[in-house]
C-alpha atoms as a PDB file:
ATOM      1  CA  MET A   1      -8.198  14.912  46.816  1.00  0.00           C
ATOM      2  CA  SER A   2      -6.386  11.850  48.170  1.00  0.00           C
ATOM      3  CA  ASP A   3      -2.749  12.358  49.112  1.00  0.00           C
ATOM      4  CA  VAL A   4      -1.550   9.241  47.251  1.00  0.00           C
ATOM      5  CA  PHE A   5      -1.796  10.931  43.848  1.00  0.00           C
ATOM      6  CA  PHE A   6      -1.541  14.455  42.505  1.00  0.00           C
ATOM      7  CA  PHE A   7      -2.874  16.586  39.680  1.00  0.00           C
ATOM      8  CA  VAL A   8      -0.644  16.782  36.573  1.00  0.00           C
ATOM      9  CA  GLN A   9      -2.511  18.181  33.570  1.00  0.00           C
ATOM     10  CA  GLN A  10      -5.965  19.371  32.571  1.00  0.00           C
ATOM     11  CA  TYR A  11      -7.607  19.376  29.147  1.00  0.00           C
ATOM     12  CA  GLY A  12     -10.675  21.167  27.847  1.00  0.00           C
ATOM     13  CA  HIS A  13     -12.079  24.518  26.811  1.00  0.00           C
ATOM     14  CA  PHE A  14     -11.134  26.548  29.864  1.00  0.00           C
ATOM     15  CA  PHE A  15      -8.321  28.794  31.060  1.00  0.00           C
ATOM     16  CA  PRO A  16      -6.465  28.727  34.393  1.00  0.00           C
ATOM     17  CA  ASP A  17      -7.120  31.186  37.173  1.00  0.00           C
ATOM     18  CA  PRO A  18      -4.195  33.635  37.474  1.00  0.00           C
ATOM     19  CA  GLN A  19      -4.240  33.477  41.274  1.00  0.00           C
ATOM     20  CA  TYR A  20      -5.409  30.061  42.476  1.00  0.00           C
ATOM     21  CA  MET A  21      -3.937  26.687  41.560  1.00  0.00           C
ATOM     22  CA  HIS A  22      -6.156  23.993  40.021  1.00  0.00           C
ATOM     23  CA  VAL A  23      -8.940  26.498  39.305  1.00  0.00           C
ATOM     24  CA  GLN A  24     -10.146  26.840  35.721  1.00  0.00           C
ATOM     25  CA  HIS A  25     -12.589  29.314  34.212  1.00  0.00           C
ATOM     26  CA  ILE A  26     -15.151  28.254  31.600  1.00  0.00           C
ATOM     27  CA  ASN A  27     -16.794  30.848  29.379  1.00  0.00           C
ATOM     28  CA  CYS A  28     -19.830  28.679  28.706  1.00  0.00           C
ATOM     29  CA  CYS A  29     -20.715  24.997  28.568  1.00  0.00           C
ATOM     30  CA  ASP A  30     -23.555  22.585  27.945  1.00  0.00           C
ATOM     31  CA  SER A  31     -24.370  18.962  28.722  1.00  0.00           C
ATOM     32  CA  PHE A  32     -21.935  17.793  26.021  1.00  0.00           C
ATOM     33  CA  ALA A  33     -18.895  19.683  27.344  1.00  0.00           C
ATOM     34  CA  THR A  34     -16.112  17.384  28.557  1.00  0.00           C
ATOM     35  CA  TYR A  35     -13.017  18.109  30.618  1.00  0.00           C
ATOM     36  CA  SER A  36     -10.189  15.681  31.309  1.00  0.00           C
ATOM     37  CA  TYR A  37      -7.556  15.479  34.018  1.00  0.00           C
ATOM     38  CA  ASP A  38      -4.326  13.536  34.400  1.00  0.00           C
ATOM     39  CA  PHE A  39      -3.100  12.325  37.770  1.00  0.00           C
ATOM     40  CA  GLU A  40       0.096  10.613  38.870  1.00  0.00           C
ATOM     41  CA  PHE A  41       1.000   8.690  41.993  1.00  0.00           C
ATOM     42  CA  GLU A  42       2.734  10.684  44.707  1.00  0.00           C
ATOM     43  CA  LYS A  43       5.261   7.983  45.621  1.00  0.00           C
ATOM     44  CA  ASP A  44       4.529   4.421  44.559  1.00  0.00           C
ATOM     45  CA  SER A  45       3.196   3.258  41.215  1.00  0.00           C
ATOM     46  CA  GLN A  46       0.036   1.792  42.695  1.00  0.00           C
ATOM     47  CA  PHE A  47      -2.496   2.148  45.489  1.00  0.00           C
ATOM     48  CA  SER A  48      -1.535   0.462  48.733  1.00  0.00           C
ATOM     49  CA  ARG A  49      -3.861  -2.163  50.128  1.00  0.00           C
ATOM     50  CA  LYS A  50      -3.686  -0.382  53.476  1.00  0.00           C
ATOM     51  CA  SER A  51      -4.518   3.056  52.098  1.00  0.00           C
ATOM     52  CA  SER A  52      -8.036   4.453  51.942  1.00  0.00           C
ATOM     53  CA  PRO A  53      -9.912   4.342  48.628  1.00  0.00           C
ATOM     54  CA  PRO A  54      -8.957   7.271  46.358  1.00  0.00           C
ATOM     55  CA  ILE A  55     -11.222  10.309  46.549  1.00  0.00           C
ATOM     56  CA  ILE A  56     -11.622  13.201  44.111  1.00  0.00           C
ATOM     57  CA  GLN A  57     -13.660  16.327  44.820  1.00  0.00           C
ATOM     58  CA  ILE A  58     -14.740  18.754  42.104  1.00  0.00           C
ATOM     59  CA  ALA A  59     -16.438  22.109  42.743  1.00  0.00           C
ATOM     60  CA  PHE A  60     -18.394  23.680  39.880  1.00  0.00           C
ATOM     61  CA  LYS A  61     -19.554  27.280  40.341  1.00  0.00           C
ATOM     62  CA  TYR A  62     -21.826  28.624  37.635  1.00  0.00           C
ATOM     63  CA  THR A  63     -24.593  31.070  36.733  1.00  0.00           C
ATOM     64  CA  VAL A  64     -27.991  30.091  35.320  1.00  0.00           C
ATOM     65  CA  LEU A  65     -31.070  31.982  34.166  1.00  0.00           C
ATOM     66  CA  VAL A  66     -34.024  31.033  36.392  1.00  0.00           C
ATOM     67  CA  HIS A  67     -37.724  31.808  36.251  1.00  0.00           C
ATOM     68  CA  ASN A  68     -38.913  34.005  39.112  1.00  0.00           C
ATOM     69  CA  GLY A  69     -42.683  33.659  38.783  1.00  0.00           C
ATOM     70  CA  ASP A  70     -45.578  35.402  37.046  1.00  0.00           C
ATOM     71  CA  ILE A  71     -45.559  39.190  37.452  1.00  0.00           C
ATOM     72  CA  SER A  72     -48.218  39.988  34.852  1.00  0.00           C
ATOM     73  CA  ASP A  73     -50.477  41.465  37.524  1.00  0.00           C
ATOM     74  CA  LEU A  74     -47.921  44.082  38.539  1.00  0.00           C
ATOM     75  CA  PRO A  75     -48.572  47.645  37.316  1.00  0.00           C
ATOM     76  CA  ASN A  76     -46.523  48.876  34.371  1.00  0.00           C
ATOM     77  CA  SER A  77     -45.192  45.394  33.815  1.00  0.00           C
ATOM     78  CA  GLY A  78     -43.701  45.200  30.362  1.00  0.00           C
ATOM     79  CA  CYS A  79     -43.300  41.416  30.362  1.00  0.00           C
ATOM     80  CA  ARG A  80     -45.303  38.444  31.501  1.00  0.00           C
ATOM     81  CA  PHE A  81     -42.513  36.542  33.240  1.00  0.00           C
ATOM     82  CA  LYS A  82     -39.468  37.618  35.164  1.00  0.00           C
ATOM     83  CA  TYR A  83     -36.109  35.872  34.998  1.00  0.00           C
ATOM     84  CA  LEU A  84     -33.097  36.283  37.227  1.00  0.00           C
ATOM     85  CA  LEU A  85     -29.462  35.269  37.102  1.00  0.00           C
ATOM     86  CA  GLU A  86     -28.735  32.835  39.916  1.00  0.00           C
ATOM     87  CA  ARG A  87     -25.270  31.878  41.131  1.00  0.00           C
ATOM     88  CA  ARG A  88     -24.893  28.237  42.127  1.00  0.00           C
ATOM     89  CA  LEU A  89     -22.194  25.993  43.546  1.00  0.00           C
ATOM     90  CA  ARG A  90     -22.187  22.250  42.975  1.00  0.00           C
ATOM     91  CA  VAL A  91     -19.653  20.070  44.760  1.00  0.00           C
ATOM     92  CA  ARG A  92     -19.128  16.476  43.692  1.00  0.00           C
ATOM     93  CA  THR A  93     -17.121  14.107  45.869  1.00  0.00           C
ATOM     94  CA  ILE A  94     -16.308  10.762  44.269  1.00  0.00           C
ATOM     95  CA  GLN A  95     -14.745   7.728  45.912  1.00  0.00           C
ATOM     96  CA  TYR A  96     -13.293   5.149  43.553  1.00  0.00           C
ATOM     97  CA  ASN A  97     -12.612   1.471  43.989  1.00  0.00           C
ATOM     98  CA  THR A  98      -9.210   0.124  43.022  1.00  0.00           C
ATOM     99  CA  THR A  99      -8.453  -3.063  41.134  1.00  0.00           C
ATOM    100  CA  ALA A 100      -6.755  -6.001  42.781  1.00  0.00           C
ATOM    101  CA  ASN A 101      -4.739  -6.985  39.710  1.00  0.00           C
ATOM    102  CA  ILE A 102      -3.934  -6.023  36.133  1.00  0.00           C
ATOM    103  CA  TRP A 103      -6.611  -8.324  34.682  1.00  0.00           C
ATOM    104  CA  ASP A 104      -9.360  -6.465  36.543  1.00  0.00           C
ATOM    105  CA  LEU A 105      -7.958  -3.228  35.190  1.00  0.00           C
ATOM    106  CA  TYR A 106      -8.173  -4.566  31.642  1.00  0.00           C
ATOM    107  CA  ASP A 107     -11.722  -5.832  32.154  1.00  0.00           C
ATOM    108  CA  PHE A 108     -13.059  -2.553  33.534  1.00  0.00           C
ATOM    109  CA  VAL A 109     -11.222  -0.052  31.353  1.00  0.00           C
ATOM    110  CA  ASP A 110     -13.455   2.259  29.310  1.00  0.00           C
ATOM    111  CA  PRO A 111     -11.966   2.497  25.787  1.00  0.00           C
ATOM    112  CA  ASP A 112     -13.885   5.690  24.974  1.00  0.00           C
ATOM    113  CA  VAL A 113     -12.414   7.446  28.011  1.00  0.00           C
ATOM    114  CA  VAL A 114      -8.921   6.221  27.101  1.00  0.00           C
ATOM    115  CA  LEU A 115      -9.453   7.610  23.599  1.00  0.00           C
ATOM    116  CA  THR A 116     -10.633  10.950  24.992  1.00  0.00           C
ATOM    117  CA  ILE A 117      -7.562  11.455  27.161  1.00  0.00           C
ATOM    118  CA  LEU A 118      -5.320  10.236  24.350  1.00  0.00           C
ATOM    119  CA  VAL A 119      -6.795  12.735  21.867  1.00  0.00           C
ATOM    120  CA  HIS A 120      -6.409  15.569  24.378  1.00  0.00           C
ATOM    121  CA  GLN A 121      -2.758  14.642  24.898  1.00  0.00           C
ATOM    122  CA  VAL A 122      -2.144  14.369  21.155  1.00  0.00           C
ATOM    123  CA  ILE A 123      -3.700  17.764  20.430  1.00  0.00           C
ATOM    124  CA  LEU A 124      -1.640  19.469  23.116  1.00  0.00           C
ATOM    125  CA  ALA A 125       1.629  17.787  22.117  1.00  0.00           C
ATOM    126  CA  SER A 126       1.094  18.300  18.368  1.00  0.00           C
ATOM    127  CA  LEU A 127       1.021  22.065  18.847  1.00  0.00           C
ATOM    128  CA  SER A 128       4.761  21.830  19.523  1.00  0.00           C
ATOM    129  CA  ASP A 129       5.880  18.954  17.284  1.00  0.00           C
ATOM    130  CA  ALA A 130       3.542  16.788  15.197  1.00  0.00           C
ATOM    131  CA  LEU A 131       6.257  14.335  14.147  1.00  0.00           C
ATOM    132  CA  GLU A 132       7.420  13.757  17.709  1.00  0.00           C
ATOM    133  CA  THR A 133       3.794  13.246  18.743  1.00  0.00           C
ATOM    134  CA  ARG A 134       3.350  10.590  16.048  1.00  0.00           C
ATOM    135  CA  LEU A 135       6.370   8.716  17.373  1.00  0.00           C
ATOM    136  CA  TRP A 136       5.141   9.009  20.951  1.00  0.00           C
ATOM    137  CA  LEU A 137       1.678   7.718  20.049  1.00  0.00           C
ATOM    138  CA  GLN A 138       3.056   4.655  18.273  1.00  0.00           C
ATOM    139  CA  ASP A 139       5.412   3.938  21.162  1.00  0.00           C
ATOM    140  CA  TRP A 140       2.494   4.266  23.575  1.00  0.00           C
ATOM    141  CA  LEU A 141       0.585   1.557  21.710  1.00  0.00           C
ATOM    142  CA  VAL A 142       3.658  -0.697  21.599  1.00  0.00           C
ATOM    143  CA  VAL A 143       4.080  -0.407  25.377  1.00  0.00           C
ATOM    144  CA  VAL A 144       0.373  -1.063  26.054  1.00  0.00           C
ATOM    145  CA  ILE A 145       0.378  -4.164  23.835  1.00  0.00           C
ATOM    146  CA  ALA A 146       3.659  -5.392  25.310  1.00  0.00           C
ATOM    147  CA  GLN A 147       2.396  -5.039  28.882  1.00  0.00           C
ATOM    148  CA  TYR A 148      -0.854  -6.759  27.946  1.00  0.00           C
ATOM    149  CA  ASN A 149       1.017  -9.680  26.383  1.00  0.00           C
ATOM    150  CA  LYS A 150       3.307  -9.870  29.381  1.00  0.00           C
ATOM    151  CA  ALA A 151       0.278 -10.124  31.671  1.00  0.00           C
ATOM    152  CA  TYR A 152      -1.032 -13.013  29.577  1.00  0.00           C
ATOM    153  CA  LYS A 153       2.393 -14.691  29.342  1.00  0.00           C
ATOM    154  CA  ASN A 154       2.851 -14.024  25.629  1.00  0.00           C
ATOM    155  CA  VAL A 155       5.871 -11.778  26.153  1.00  0.00           C
ATOM    156  CA  THR A 156       8.709 -12.354  28.582  1.00  0.00           C
ATOM    157  CA  SER A 157      11.258  -9.891  29.891  1.00  0.00           C
ATOM    158  CA  GLY A 158      14.543  -9.976  28.043  1.00  0.00           C
ATOM    159  CA  GLY A 159      13.219 -10.577  24.541  1.00  0.00           C
ATOM    160  CA  GLY A 160      13.306 -13.799  22.599  1.00  0.00           C
ATOM    161  CA  THR A 161       9.552 -13.929  22.130  1.00  0.00           C
ATOM    162  CA  GLU A 162       8.309 -15.583  18.964  1.00  0.00           C
ATOM    163  CA  ILE A 163       6.597 -12.910  16.911  1.00  0.00           C
ATOM    164  CA  TYR A 164       3.614 -15.085  16.015  1.00  0.00           C
ATOM    165  CA  ASN A 165       2.751 -15.466  19.720  1.00  0.00           C
ATOM    166  CA  ILE A 166       2.240 -11.748  20.209  1.00  0.00           C
ATOM    167  CA  ASP A 167      -1.414 -10.765  20.456  1.00  0.00           C
ATOM    168  CA  VAL A 168      -1.934  -7.301  18.946  1.00  0.00           C
ATOM    169  CA  ASN A 169      -5.725  -7.683  18.848  1.00  0.00           C
ATOM    170  CA  PHE A 170      -6.282  -7.952  22.632  1.00  0.00           C
ATOM    171  CA  SER A 171      -8.072 -11.254  22.131  1.00  0.00           C
ATOM    172  CA  HIS A 172      -8.504 -11.834  25.873  1.00  0.00           C
ATOM    173  CA  CYS A 173     -10.033  -8.424  26.592  1.00  0.00           C
ATOM    174  CA  SER A 174     -12.891  -6.972  24.561  1.00  0.00           C
ATOM    175  CA  GLN A 175     -12.552  -3.601  26.309  1.00  0.00           C
ATOM    176  CA  LEU A 176      -9.073  -3.076  24.864  1.00  0.00           C
ATOM    177  CA  GLN A 177      -9.771  -4.317  21.345  1.00  0.00           C
ATOM    178  CA  PRO A 178     -10.617  -0.898  19.819  1.00  0.00           C
ATOM    179  CA  LEU A 179      -7.346   0.725  20.961  1.00  0.00           C
ATOM    180  CA  SER A 180      -5.203  -0.268  17.974  1.00  0.00           C
ATOM    181  CA  ARG A 181      -7.809   1.041  15.553  1.00  0.00           C
ATOM    182  CA  PHE A 182      -8.135   4.274  17.533  1.00  0.00           C
ATOM    183  CA  VAL A 183      -4.389   4.898  17.393  1.00  0.00           C
ATOM    184  CA  PHE A 184      -4.242   4.101  13.680  1.00  0.00           C
ATOM    185  CA  ALA A 185      -7.106   6.526  12.977  1.00  0.00           C
ATOM    186  CA  ILE A 186      -5.473   9.320  14.996  1.00  0.00           C
ATOM    187  CA  LEU A 187      -2.221   8.825  13.084  1.00  0.00           C
ATOM    188  CA  LEU A 188      -4.156   9.210   9.832  1.00  0.00           C
ATOM    189  CA  SER A 189      -6.103  12.269  10.957  1.00  0.00           C
ATOM    190  CA  PRO A 190      -5.130  15.831   9.971  1.00  0.00           C
ATOM    191  CA  LEU A 191      -4.152  16.371  13.620  1.00  0.00           C
ATOM    192  CA  LEU A 192      -0.868  14.528  13.055  1.00  0.00           C
ATOM    193  CA  GLN A 193      -0.099  15.048   9.400  1.00  0.00           C
ATOM    194  CA  VAL A 194       3.521  16.155   9.120  1.00  0.00           C
ATOM    195  CA  SER A 195       2.981  17.393   5.580  1.00  0.00           C
ATOM    196  CA  SER A 196       0.231  20.023   5.478  1.00  0.00           C
ATOM    197  CA  GLU A 197      -0.240  19.694   1.713  1.00  0.00           C
ATOM    198  CA  GLY A 198      -3.948  19.691   0.880  1.00  0.00           C
ATOM    199  CA  ILE A 199      -4.988  20.414   4.482  1.00  0.00           C
ATOM    200  CA  HIS A 200      -6.063  23.946   5.314  1.00  0.00           C
ATOM    201  CA  PRO A 201      -4.644  25.195   8.642  1.00  0.00           C
ATOM    202  CA  ASP A 202      -8.084  26.474   9.635  1.00  0.00           C
ATOM    203  CA  TYR A 203      -9.499  22.966   9.243  1.00  0.00           C
ATOM    204  CA  VAL A 204      -6.872  21.565  11.604  1.00  0.00           C
ATOM    205  CA  THR A 205      -7.740  24.281  14.126  1.00  0.00           C
ATOM    206  CA  TYR A 206     -11.423  23.444  13.725  1.00  0.00           C
ATOM    207  CA  LEU A 207     -10.719  19.768  14.438  1.00  0.00           C
ATOM    208  CA  GLN A 208      -8.632  20.636  17.480  1.00  0.00           C
ATOM    209  CA  CYS A 209     -11.455  22.746  18.906  1.00  0.00           C
ATOM    210  CA  LEU A 210     -14.154  20.206  18.061  1.00  0.00           C
ATOM    211  CA  LEU A 211     -12.402  17.051  19.249  1.00  0.00           C
ATOM    212  CA  SER A 212     -11.182  18.630  22.474  1.00  0.00           C
ATOM    213  CA  ALA A 213     -14.765  19.453  23.488  1.00  0.00           C
ATOM    214  CA  LEU A 214     -16.645  16.245  22.648  1.00  0.00           C
ATOM    215  CA  GLU A 215     -17.798  13.769  25.261  1.00  0.00           C
ATOM    216  CA  PRO A 216     -16.263  10.268  24.899  1.00  0.00           C
ATOM    217  CA  ALA A 217     -19.033   8.544  22.908  1.00  0.00           C
ATOM    218  CA  SER A 218     -19.201  11.373  20.360  1.00  0.00           C
ATOM    219  CA  LEU A 219     -15.428  11.574  20.127  1.00  0.00           C
ATOM    220  CA  ARG A 220     -15.260   7.884  19.337  1.00  0.00           C
ATOM    221  CA  GLN A 221     -17.745   8.497  16.514  1.00  0.00           C
ATOM    222  CA  ALA A 222     -15.573  11.283  15.114  1.00  0.00           C
ATOM    223  CA  ILE A 223     -12.332   9.275  15.309  1.00  0.00           C
ATOM    224  CA  TRP A 224     -13.669   5.854  14.280  1.00  0.00           C
ATOM    225  CA  PRO A 225     -16.956   6.264  12.355  1.00  0.00           C
ATOM    226  CA  THR A 226     -19.777   3.740  12.454  1.00  0.00           C
ATOM    227  CA  LEU A 227     -20.487   1.880   9.211  1.00  0.00           C
ATOM    228  CA  ILE A 228     -23.943   0.318   8.844  1.00  0.00           C
ATOM    229  CA  SER A 229     -24.943  -1.772   5.838  1.00  0.00           C
ATOM    230  CA  TYR A 230     -28.453  -2.166   4.425  1.00  0.00           C
ATOM    231  CA  SER A 231     -29.928  -4.845   2.195  1.00  0.00           C
ATOM    232  CA  SER A 232     -32.529  -2.315   1.083  1.00  0.00           C
ATOM    233  CA  PRO A 233     -33.629   1.136   2.274  1.00  0.00           C
ATOM    234  CA  ASP A 234     -35.956  -0.590   4.767  1.00  0.00           C
ATOM    235  CA  VAL A 235     -33.764  -3.492   5.929  1.00  0.00           C
ATOM    236  CA  GLU A 236     -30.675  -2.949   8.084  1.00  0.00           C
ATOM    237  CA  ALA A 237     -28.110  -5.715   7.616  1.00  0.00           C
ATOM    238  CA  GLU A 238     -25.142  -5.208   9.944  1.00  0.00           C
ATOM    239  CA  VAL A 239     -23.109  -2.742  11.994  1.00  0.00           C
ATOM    240  CA  HIS A 240     -19.486  -3.178  10.948  1.00  0.00           C
ATOM    241  CA  GLN A 241     -16.443  -2.781  13.196  1.00  0.00           C
ATOM    242  CA  SER A 242     -14.098  -2.613  10.229  1.00  0.00           C
ATOM    243  CA  LEU A 243     -13.698   0.435   7.987  1.00  0.00           C
ATOM    244  CA  SER A 244     -12.520  -1.359   4.882  1.00  0.00           C
ATOM    245  CA  ARG A 245     -13.720  -2.313   1.420  1.00  0.00           C
ATOM    246  CA  THR A 246     -13.707  -5.932   2.578  1.00  0.00           C
ATOM    247  CA  VAL A 247     -17.154  -5.387   4.125  1.00  0.00           C
ATOM    248  CA  PHE A 248     -18.725  -4.613   0.741  1.00  0.00           C
ATOM    249  CA  THR A 249     -20.902  -7.389  -0.689  1.00  0.00           C
ATOM    250  CA  SER A 250     -23.594  -7.579  -3.336  1.00  0.00           C
ATOM    251  CA  GLU A 251     -26.120  -8.606  -0.667  1.00  0.00           C
ATOM    252  CA  ARG A 252     -25.557  -5.282   1.155  1.00  0.00           C
ATOM    253  CA  PRO A 253     -25.534  -2.549  -1.508  1.00  0.00           C
ATOM    254  CA  ILE A 254     -26.271   0.460   0.764  1.00  0.00           C
ATOM    255  CA  TYR A 255     -24.203   1.905   3.598  1.00  0.00           C
ATOM    256  CA  ILE A 256     -24.512   4.689   6.154  1.00  0.00           C
ATOM    257  CA  LEU A 257     -21.235   6.047   7.460  1.00  0.00           C
ATOM    258  CA  ASP A 258     -21.622   8.162  10.586  1.00  0.00           C
ATOM    259  CA  ALA A 259     -18.501  10.256  11.230  1.00  0.00           C
ATOM    260  CA  TYR A 260     -20.198  12.623  13.698  1.00  0.00           C
ATOM    261  CA  LYS A 261     -19.700  15.795  11.660  1.00  0.00           C
ATOM    262  CA  ASP A 262     -20.453  13.974   8.393  1.00  0.00           C
ATOM    263  CA  LEU A 263     -23.248  11.566   7.482  1.00  0.00           C
ATOM    264  CA  LEU A 264     -22.686   9.724   4.218  1.00  0.00           C
ATOM    265  CA  VAL A 265     -25.158   7.440   2.463  1.00  0.00           C
ATOM    266  CA  TYR A 266     -23.296   5.307  -0.064  1.00  0.00           C
ATOM    267  CA  TYR A 267     -24.713   3.063  -2.796  1.00  0.00           C
ATOM    268  CA  SER A 268     -22.258   0.529  -4.197  1.00  0.00           C
ATOM    269  CA  PRO A 269     -21.626   0.585  -7.968  1.00  0.00           C
ATOM    270  CA  THR A 270     -23.342  -2.804  -8.283  1.00  0.00           C
ATOM    271  CA  ALA A 271     -26.530  -1.702  -6.507  1.00  0.00           C
ATOM    272  CA  SER A 272     -29.645  -2.643  -8.453  1.00  0.00           C
ATOM    273  CA  SER A 273     -31.225   0.133 -10.484  1.00  0.00           C
ATOM    274  CA  GLU A 274     -34.536  -0.856  -8.894  1.00  0.00           C
ATOM    275  CA  ILE A 275     -33.357   0.498  -5.527  1.00  0.00           C
ATOM    276  CA  PRO A 276     -34.384   4.176  -5.401  1.00  0.00           C
ATOM    277  CA  PHE A 277     -31.583   6.722  -5.101  1.00  0.00           C
ATOM    278  CA  PRO A 278     -31.540   8.794  -3.023  1.00  0.00           C
ATOM    279  CA  PRO A 279     -33.543   6.725  -0.529  1.00  0.00           C
ATOM    280  CA  PRO A 280     -37.200   7.790  -0.123  1.00  0.00           C
ATOM    281  CA  ARG A 281     -38.245   9.918   2.835  1.00  0.00           C
ATOM    282  CA  ASN A 282     -40.471   7.268   4.417  1.00  0.00           C
ATOM    283  CA  CYS A 283     -37.906   4.441   4.601  1.00  0.00           C
ATOM    284  CA  LEU A 284     -35.955   3.094   7.589  1.00  0.00           C
ATOM    285  CA  LEU A 285     -32.659   4.417   6.277  1.00  0.00           C
ATOM    286  CA  ARG A 286     -33.912   8.007   6.100  1.00  0.00           C
ATOM    287  CA  SER A 287     -35.481   7.674   9.549  1.00  0.00           C
ATOM    288  CA  THR A 288     -32.092   6.591  10.884  1.00  0.00           C
ATOM    289  CA  VAL A 289     -30.401   9.561   9.231  1.00  0.00           C
ATOM    290  CA  ASP A 290     -32.967  11.971  10.698  1.00  0.00           C
ATOM    291  CA  ARG A 291     -32.541  10.479  14.174  1.00  0.00           C
ATOM    292  CA  LEU A 292     -28.755  10.777  14.031  1.00  0.00           C
ATOM    293  CA  LYS A 293     -29.018  14.414  12.964  1.00  0.00           C
ATOM    294  CA  GLN A 294     -31.364  15.215  15.843  1.00  0.00           C
ATOM    295  CA  GLU A 295     -29.027  13.618  18.390  1.00  0.00           C
ATOM    296  CA  ARG A 296     -26.080  15.846  17.434  1.00  0.00           C
ATOM    297  CA  ASN A 297     -25.158  19.105  19.098  1.00  0.00           C
ATOM    298  CA  ILE A 298     -23.888  20.200  15.678  1.00  0.00           C
ATOM    299  CA  THR A 299     -25.607  19.686  12.337  1.00  0.00           C
ATOM    300  CA  PRO A 300     -23.718  17.010  10.375  1.00  0.00           C
ATOM    301  CA  LYS A 301     -23.238  17.389   6.653  1.00  0.00           C
ATOM    302  CA  LEU A 302     -25.434  14.869   4.818  1.00  0.00           C
ATOM    303  CA  VAL A 303     -24.116  13.526   1.505  1.00  0.00           C
ATOM    304  CA  PHE A 304     -25.647  10.926  -0.834  1.00  0.00           C
ATOM    305  CA  ILE A 305     -23.122   9.109  -3.034  1.00  0.00           C
ATOM    306  CA  HIS A 306     -23.767   6.529  -5.735  1.00  0.00           C
ATOM    307  CA  GLY A 307     -20.635   4.594  -6.613  1.00  0.00           C
ATOM    308  CA  ALA A 308     -21.775   4.065 -10.200  1.00  0.00           C
ATOM    309  CA  HIS A 309     -21.706   7.729 -11.212  1.00  0.00           C
ATOM    310  CA  ASP A 310     -20.574   9.956  -8.302  1.00  0.00           C
ATOM    311  CA  ASP A 311     -17.151  10.873  -6.967  1.00  0.00           C
ATOM    312  CA  THR A 312     -16.565   8.466  -4.069  1.00  0.00           C
ATOM    313  CA  THR A 313     -13.500  10.211  -2.627  1.00  0.00           C
ATOM    314  CA  GLU A 314     -15.370  11.698   0.316  1.00  0.00           C
ATOM    315  CA  PHE A 315     -16.655   8.265   1.330  1.00  0.00           C
ATOM    316  CA  GLU A 316     -13.420   6.371   0.718  1.00  0.00           C
ATOM    317  CA  LYS A 317     -11.358   8.723   2.869  1.00  0.00           C
ATOM    318  CA  TYR A 318     -13.137   7.235   5.884  1.00  0.00           C
ATOM    319  CA  LEU A 319     -12.142   3.667   4.958  1.00  0.00           C
ATOM    320  CA  VAL A 320      -9.020   4.118   7.034  1.00  0.00           C
ATOM    321  CA  GLU A 321      -8.021   0.457   7.206  1.00  0.00           C
ATOM    322  CA  ASP A 322      -7.239   0.559   3.483  1.00  0.00           C
ATOM    323  CA  GLN A 323      -5.017   3.631   3.726  1.00  0.00           C
ATOM    324  CA  THR A 324      -1.302   4.162   4.247  1.00  0.00           C
ATOM    325  CA  LEU A 325       0.353   6.096   7.023  1.00  0.00           C
ATOM    326  CA  ASP A 326       1.778   8.979   5.016  1.00  0.00           C
ATOM    327  CA  GLY A 327       4.683  10.487   6.840  1.00  0.00           C
ATOM    328  CA  SER A 328       4.983   7.553   9.228  1.00  0.00           C
ATOM    329  CA  PRO A 329       8.440   6.244  10.131  1.00  0.00           C
ATOM    330  CA  LEU A 330       7.151   2.688   9.770  1.00  0.00           C
ATOM    331  CA  SER A 331       9.057   0.753   7.140  1.00  0.00           C
ATOM    332  CA  SER A 332       5.964  -0.690   5.478  1.00  0.00           C
ATOM    333  CA  SER A 333       2.937   1.550   5.826  1.00  0.00           C
ATOM    334  CA  THR A 334       0.361  -0.238   3.695  1.00  0.00           C
ATOM    335  CA  GLY A 335      -2.778  -0.203   5.756  1.00  0.00           C
ATOM    336  CA  PHE A 336      -4.031  -1.299   9.128  1.00  0.00           C
ATOM    337  CA  SER A 337      -2.905  -4.925   8.865  1.00  0.00           C
ATOM    338  CA  SER A 338       0.648  -3.872   8.004  1.00  0.00           C
ATOM    339  CA  PHE A 339       0.544  -1.358  10.838  1.00  0.00           C
ATOM    340  CA  LEU A 340      -0.281  -4.184  13.261  1.00  0.00           C
ATOM    341  CA  ASP A 341       2.568  -6.251  11.816  1.00  0.00           C
ATOM    342  CA  GLU A 342       4.956  -3.384  12.525  1.00  0.00           C
ATOM    343  CA  VAL A 343       3.641  -3.041  16.068  1.00  0.00           C
ATOM    344  CA  ARG A 344       4.040  -6.791  16.590  1.00  0.00           C
ATOM    345  CA  SER A 345       7.640  -6.584  15.400  1.00  0.00           C
ATOM    346  CA  LYS A 346       8.401  -3.702  17.756  1.00  0.00           C
ATOM    347  CA  VAL A 347       6.932  -5.583  20.713  1.00  0.00           C
ATOM    348  CA  ALA A 348       9.046  -8.629  19.874  1.00  0.00           C
ATOM    349  CA  GLU A 349      12.115  -6.445  19.405  1.00  0.00           C
ATOM    350  CA  HIS A 350      11.821  -4.716  22.751  1.00  0.00           C
ATOM    351  CA  GLY A 351      10.518  -7.743  24.646  1.00  0.00           C
ATOM    352  CA  ILE A 352       9.054  -5.528  27.364  1.00  0.00           C
END
């Protein structure tokens, strides 16, 4: 590893070696297993232009079951094929490029990777103090937004910034735009609920184990579900970024909400009685549901809900933009828009 930065923390389903530093043991893993690492600069807060590009080397030693050929012609052979355990060592050396300025960093950031590391940090910190972790997470977002606005000349050092000039939506950088929603969803999740009323401790443990093992794209699905509307069971209308009732219209009466571990098919209360419920097996909507189930490494729970006569609580709990931050220290916790207003006020107050 390059000498300009050093290893700080590791996250994932492994345990440290009792003898050697920076060596972790994994009981088992598959192609979905994800492990995260934090690094910090050794001296300065950035890479020097004169220094060599940063390099990271990872060694992965593992055992696999391999086929050893056909032994059916051997005498007294009780099996047709023979398999052996084979020990392998894979070494990956990666050289990274560095950005020349903060704007390049914003343009090339991967929001799913940021979310993954953030969730790992939240899970680890919440084991000690959930309330303190909530405060830290909100402060983290305030600092990120303040630094972004400072880079784009919306915020100046020393305060005095007009609050309406502060961009909390990352309008200049599409890669950063999901971050505020991610943070809001994490704050609403059982991971950071200060009051455990109505939440079984085993369910929180299950979420901690699940979310700390998912690869970034799947983790994003679990934290911020995908909402797809349909004009009919055979006509997809739109993939929505917002998780709010504001997306509901009479022209789009059917919705699929994909929350990774849950798949919900929702019919609005005003859906025409001529639209079959549940959707027929040979329609596009059911084909989409079947495909999503096949792509998972766990089997999601499939639920069909008709708003006219079914309990919609299970669907509405995923409309996070319409919910309040219970237990939040924010003075006005009335949904995502109010949350952004509070963040904007904090950025203006600190004037970072």
